[in-house]
Amino acid sequence: MPATPWDLDEDPDDHDDDTAPYWEAGHHMPTDARAMGLSAHVPDGALLDFAGRLDATNRRHRVTAWFMLLVFGMPVFFALLRVVQLF
């Protein structure tokens, strides 16, 4: 009989190693970012961790990635327009 979530005989915290659970933030951080001291607790590190969790095979994740690219690219585009307008 398969174990159910409300089965009291099985301890969900019973595991051999002391690693953090997979859902904890910071597991998808690039090693270079960790070497620079970024973690999921600072804004830049949280953004990198979020982007590292995106899966290219999931359509919603691809749409989210394109939306993020658009949002972060718009200030650069407007700054370039301002420079072109000055000359």
N, C-alpha and C. Protein backbone atom coordinates (compact mmCIF):
# COMPACT_ATOMS: atom_id res chain seq x y z
N MET A 1 0.85 -1.18 0.00
CA MET A 1 0.00 0.00 0.00
C MET A 1 0.90 1.25 0.00
N PRO A 2 0.66 2.21 -0.91
CA PRO A 2 1.50 3.40 -0.96
C PRO A 2 1.28 4.30 0.24
N ALA A 3 2.33 5.01 0.61
CA ALA A 3 2.23 5.93 1.75
C ALA A 3 1.45 7.17 1.36
N THR A 4 0.60 7.61 2.25
CA THR A 4 -0.18 8.82 2.03
C THR A 4 0.45 9.98 2.79
N PRO A 5 0.15 11.22 2.42
CA PRO A 5 0.74 12.35 3.13
C PRO A 5 0.37 12.39 4.60
N TRP A 6 -0.75 11.80 4.97
CA TRP A 6 -1.18 11.85 6.37
C TRP A 6 -0.81 10.57 7.13
N ASP A 7 0.03 9.74 6.52
CA ASP A 7 0.49 8.52 7.17
C ASP A 7 1.47 8.88 8.29
N LEU A 8 1.14 8.54 9.52
CA LEU A 8 1.95 8.92 10.68
C LEU A 8 3.13 7.98 10.92
N ASP A 9 3.16 6.84 10.23
CA ASP A 9 4.26 5.89 10.43
C ASP A 9 5.55 6.34 9.75
N GLU A 10 5.44 7.22 8.77
CA GLU A 10 6.59 7.63 8.00
C GLU A 10 6.99 9.05 8.38
N ASP A 11 8.26 9.25 8.69
CA ASP A 11 8.76 10.56 9.09
C ASP A 11 9.25 11.30 7.84
N PRO A 12 8.65 12.45 7.46
CA PRO A 12 9.06 13.15 6.24
C PRO A 12 10.46 13.76 6.37
N ASP A 13 10.95 13.96 7.59
CA ASP A 13 12.28 14.54 7.79
C ASP A 13 13.35 13.48 7.98
N ASP A 14 13.01 12.24 7.76
CA ASP A 14 13.96 11.15 7.96
C ASP A 14 14.79 10.95 6.69
N HIS A 15 16.00 11.51 6.69
CA HIS A 15 16.93 11.29 5.59
C HIS A 15 18.35 11.22 6.16
N ASP A 16 19.23 10.60 5.42
CA ASP A 16 20.56 10.29 5.92
C ASP A 16 21.52 11.48 5.91
N ASP A 17 21.40 12.35 4.95
CA ASP A 17 22.36 13.44 4.83
C ASP A 17 21.83 14.73 5.45
N ASP A 18 22.69 15.70 5.58
CA ASP A 18 22.32 16.99 6.17
C ASP A 18 22.13 18.06 5.11
N THR A 19 21.82 17.67 3.89
CA THR A 19 21.62 18.65 2.82
C THR A 19 20.28 19.35 3.00
N ALA A 20 20.22 20.55 2.45
CA ALA A 20 18.98 21.32 2.51
C ALA A 20 17.97 20.72 1.52
N PRO A 21 16.68 20.91 1.77
CA PRO A 21 15.68 20.38 0.85
C PRO A 21 15.77 21.06 -0.51
N TYR A 22 15.28 20.40 -1.54
CA TYR A 22 15.41 20.90 -2.90
C TYR A 22 14.61 22.19 -3.12
N TRP A 23 13.57 22.44 -2.34
CA TRP A 23 12.74 23.62 -2.53
C TRP A 23 13.35 24.86 -1.88
N GLU A 24 14.38 24.71 -1.13
CA GLU A 24 15.02 25.85 -0.49
C GLU A 24 15.74 26.70 -1.53
N ALA A 25 15.71 28.00 -1.37
CA ALA A 25 16.29 28.92 -2.35
C ALA A 25 17.80 28.78 -2.40
N GLY A 26 18.36 29.06 -3.56
CA GLY A 26 19.80 29.10 -3.72
C GLY A 26 20.41 27.89 -4.35
N HIS A 27 19.62 26.88 -4.73
CA HIS A 27 20.19 25.67 -5.31
C HIS A 27 20.46 25.80 -6.80
N HIS A 28 19.93 26.81 -7.43
CA HIS A 28 20.11 26.97 -8.87
C HIS A 28 21.02 28.15 -9.18
N MET A 29 21.82 28.54 -8.22
CA MET A 29 22.74 29.66 -8.37
C MET A 29 24.00 29.17 -9.09
N PRO A 30 24.46 29.90 -10.11
CA PRO A 30 25.70 29.51 -10.78
C PRO A 30 26.88 29.57 -9.80
N THR A 31 27.88 28.74 -10.04
CA THR A 31 29.03 28.69 -9.13
C THR A 31 29.80 29.99 -9.13
N ASP A 32 29.85 30.68 -10.28
CA ASP A 32 30.53 31.98 -10.33
C ASP A 32 29.83 33.01 -9.44
N ALA A 33 28.51 32.97 -9.41
CA ALA A 33 27.76 33.90 -8.57
C ALA A 33 27.99 33.60 -7.10
N ARG A 34 28.05 32.32 -6.75
CA ARG A 34 28.35 31.95 -5.36
C ARG A 34 29.75 32.40 -4.97
N ALA A 35 30.71 32.29 -5.91
CA ALA A 35 32.08 32.71 -5.63
C ALA A 35 32.16 34.21 -5.41
N MET A 36 31.27 34.98 -6.05
CA MET A 36 31.24 36.43 -5.86
C MET A 36 30.53 36.82 -4.57
N GLY A 37 29.92 35.86 -3.89
CA GLY A 37 29.25 36.14 -2.63
C GLY A 37 27.76 36.36 -2.75
N LEU A 38 27.18 36.13 -3.92
CA LEU A 38 25.74 36.30 -4.08
C LEU A 38 25.01 35.11 -3.47
N SER A 39 23.88 35.39 -2.89
CA SER A 39 23.01 34.34 -2.37
C SER A 39 21.58 34.68 -2.75
N ALA A 40 20.66 33.80 -2.44
CA ALA A 40 19.26 34.04 -2.78
C ALA A 40 18.64 35.09 -1.87
N HIS A 41 19.39 35.59 -0.90
CA HIS A 41 18.85 36.56 0.05
C HIS A 41 19.12 38.00 -0.36
N VAL A 42 19.86 38.23 -1.43
CA VAL A 42 20.09 39.57 -1.96
C VAL A 42 19.35 39.69 -3.28
N PRO A 43 18.93 40.89 -3.68
CA PRO A 43 18.10 41.02 -4.89
C PRO A 43 18.73 40.44 -6.15
N ASP A 44 19.99 40.72 -6.40
CA ASP A 44 20.62 40.19 -7.61
C ASP A 44 20.72 38.67 -7.57
N GLY A 45 21.05 38.13 -6.43
CA GLY A 45 21.14 36.68 -6.29
C GLY A 45 19.78 36.01 -6.40
N ALA A 46 18.75 36.65 -5.87
CA ALA A 46 17.41 36.08 -5.98
C ALA A 46 16.95 36.05 -7.43
N LEU A 47 17.31 37.07 -8.19
CA LEU A 47 16.96 37.10 -9.61
C LEU A 47 17.69 36.01 -10.37
N LEU A 48 18.96 35.82 -10.07
CA LEU A 48 19.73 34.74 -10.70
C LEU A 48 19.17 33.37 -10.31
N ASP A 49 18.80 33.22 -9.07
CA ASP A 49 18.24 31.94 -8.62
C ASP A 49 16.91 31.67 -9.32
N PHE A 50 16.08 32.70 -9.44
CA PHE A 50 14.79 32.55 -10.13
C PHE A 50 15.00 32.17 -11.59
N ALA A 51 15.93 32.87 -12.26
CA ALA A 51 16.18 32.58 -13.67
C ALA A 51 16.79 31.20 -13.84
N GLY A 52 17.56 30.75 -12.87
CA GLY A 52 18.14 29.42 -12.95
C GLY A 52 17.13 28.31 -12.78
N ARG A 53 16.00 28.59 -12.20
CA ARG A 53 14.94 27.59 -12.02
C ARG A 53 14.06 27.43 -13.25
N LEU A 54 14.15 28.36 -14.20
CA LEU A 54 13.30 28.27 -15.39
C LEU A 54 13.71 27.08 -16.24
N ASP A 55 12.71 26.39 -16.77
CA ASP A 55 12.92 25.20 -17.58
C ASP A 55 12.54 25.51 -19.02
N ALA A 56 13.47 25.32 -19.95
CA ALA A 56 13.23 25.67 -21.35
C ALA A 56 12.17 24.80 -22.00
N THR A 57 11.86 23.65 -21.45
CA THR A 57 10.86 22.79 -22.05
C THR A 57 9.44 23.19 -21.67
N ASN A 58 9.29 24.04 -20.65
CA ASN A 58 7.98 24.48 -20.20
C ASN A 58 7.62 25.79 -20.90
N ARG A 59 6.47 25.82 -21.54
CA ARG A 59 6.07 27.00 -22.32
C ARG A 59 5.91 28.24 -21.44
N ARG A 60 5.33 28.10 -20.26
CA ARG A 60 5.16 29.25 -19.36
C ARG A 60 6.51 29.80 -18.92
N HIS A 61 7.48 28.93 -18.74
CA HIS A 61 8.81 29.38 -18.34
C HIS A 61 9.48 30.15 -19.47
N ARG A 62 9.28 29.72 -20.71
CA ARG A 62 9.83 30.46 -21.84
C ARG A 62 9.19 31.83 -21.96
N VAL A 63 7.87 31.90 -21.77
CA VAL A 63 7.17 33.19 -21.82
C VAL A 63 7.67 34.10 -20.70
N THR A 64 7.87 33.54 -19.53
CA THR A 64 8.40 34.31 -18.40
C THR A 64 9.79 34.83 -18.70
N ALA A 65 10.63 34.01 -19.31
CA ALA A 65 11.99 34.44 -19.65
C ALA A 65 11.96 35.58 -20.67
N TRP A 66 11.10 35.49 -21.68
CA TRP A 66 11.00 36.56 -22.66
C TRP A 66 10.46 37.84 -22.03
N PHE A 67 9.51 37.69 -21.13
CA PHE A 67 8.97 38.87 -20.43
C PHE A 67 10.04 39.54 -19.58
N MET A 68 10.84 38.73 -18.88
CA MET A 68 11.92 39.30 -18.08
C MET A 68 12.94 40.01 -18.97
N LEU A 69 13.25 39.42 -20.12
CA LEU A 69 14.18 40.05 -21.05
C LEU A 69 13.62 41.38 -21.55
N LEU A 70 12.34 41.43 -21.83
CA LEU A 70 11.71 42.67 -22.26
C LEU A 70 11.74 43.72 -21.16
N VAL A 71 11.40 43.34 -19.94
CA VAL A 71 11.36 44.28 -18.82
C VAL A 71 12.74 44.85 -18.52
N PHE A 72 13.76 43.99 -18.52
CA PHE A 72 15.10 44.46 -18.20
C PHE A 72 15.80 45.11 -19.39
N GLY A 73 15.30 44.86 -20.60
CA GLY A 73 15.89 45.47 -21.78
C GLY A 73 15.30 46.82 -22.14
N MET A 74 14.09 47.12 -21.66
CA MET A 74 13.45 48.39 -21.99
C MET A 74 14.22 49.61 -21.50
N PRO A 75 14.77 49.64 -20.29
CA PRO A 75 15.55 50.82 -19.89
C PRO A 75 16.77 51.05 -20.77
N VAL A 76 17.40 49.99 -21.22
CA VAL A 76 18.54 50.13 -22.13
C VAL A 76 18.08 50.70 -23.46
N PHE A 77 16.97 50.21 -23.95
CA PHE A 77 16.43 50.71 -25.22
C PHE A 77 16.07 52.19 -25.12
N PHE A 78 15.43 52.59 -24.03
CA PHE A 78 15.07 54.00 -23.87
C PHE A 78 16.29 54.88 -23.68
N ALA A 79 17.32 54.38 -23.02
CA ALA A 79 18.55 55.15 -22.88
C ALA A 79 19.22 55.34 -24.24
N LEU A 80 19.22 54.31 -25.06
CA LEU A 80 19.78 54.45 -26.41
C LEU A 80 18.98 55.43 -27.25
N LEU A 81 17.66 55.42 -27.12
CA LEU A 81 16.83 56.38 -27.83
C LEU A 81 17.15 57.81 -27.39
N ARG A 82 17.38 58.01 -26.12
CA ARG A 82 17.73 59.33 -25.60
C ARG A 82 19.08 59.82 -26.15
N VAL A 83 20.04 58.91 -26.25
CA VAL A 83 21.35 59.26 -26.80
C VAL A 83 21.24 59.59 -28.28
N VAL A 84 20.47 58.82 -29.01
CA VAL A 84 20.27 59.09 -30.43
C VAL A 84 19.55 60.41 -30.63
N GLN A 85 18.61 60.73 -29.76
CA GLN A 85 17.84 61.97 -29.88
C GLN A 85 18.73 63.18 -29.62
N LEU A 86 19.73 63.05 -28.74
CA LEU A 86 20.62 64.17 -28.44
C LEU A 86 21.53 64.50 -29.62
N PHE A 87 21.85 63.53 -30.43
CA PHE A 87 22.73 63.79 -31.56
C PHE A 87 21.90 63.87 -32.79
